[in-house]
Amino acid sequence: MPRDHYLAAGLLDDLSGIRLAHEIYIDRKPDAWSFAGPTHQMTEAEFLATLPASPEE
């Protein structure tokens, strides 16, 4: 059972109590975007490498 859940913050109406811990697809982030505080950052390739292989592979 996975411990982490990934979703777009824009899907939530209320972000109070939510802590941004990871940024994924950081290599696709617009240059103007920057979050305050430290986060664990992963590129697309790094993030996809953490997912289990699909049954077709």
Foldseek 3Di string as FASTA:
>chain_A
DDPDDDDDPVVDPDCPPPDAAEDELVVPDPPVDDDPDDHHYYHNVRVVVPDDDDPVD
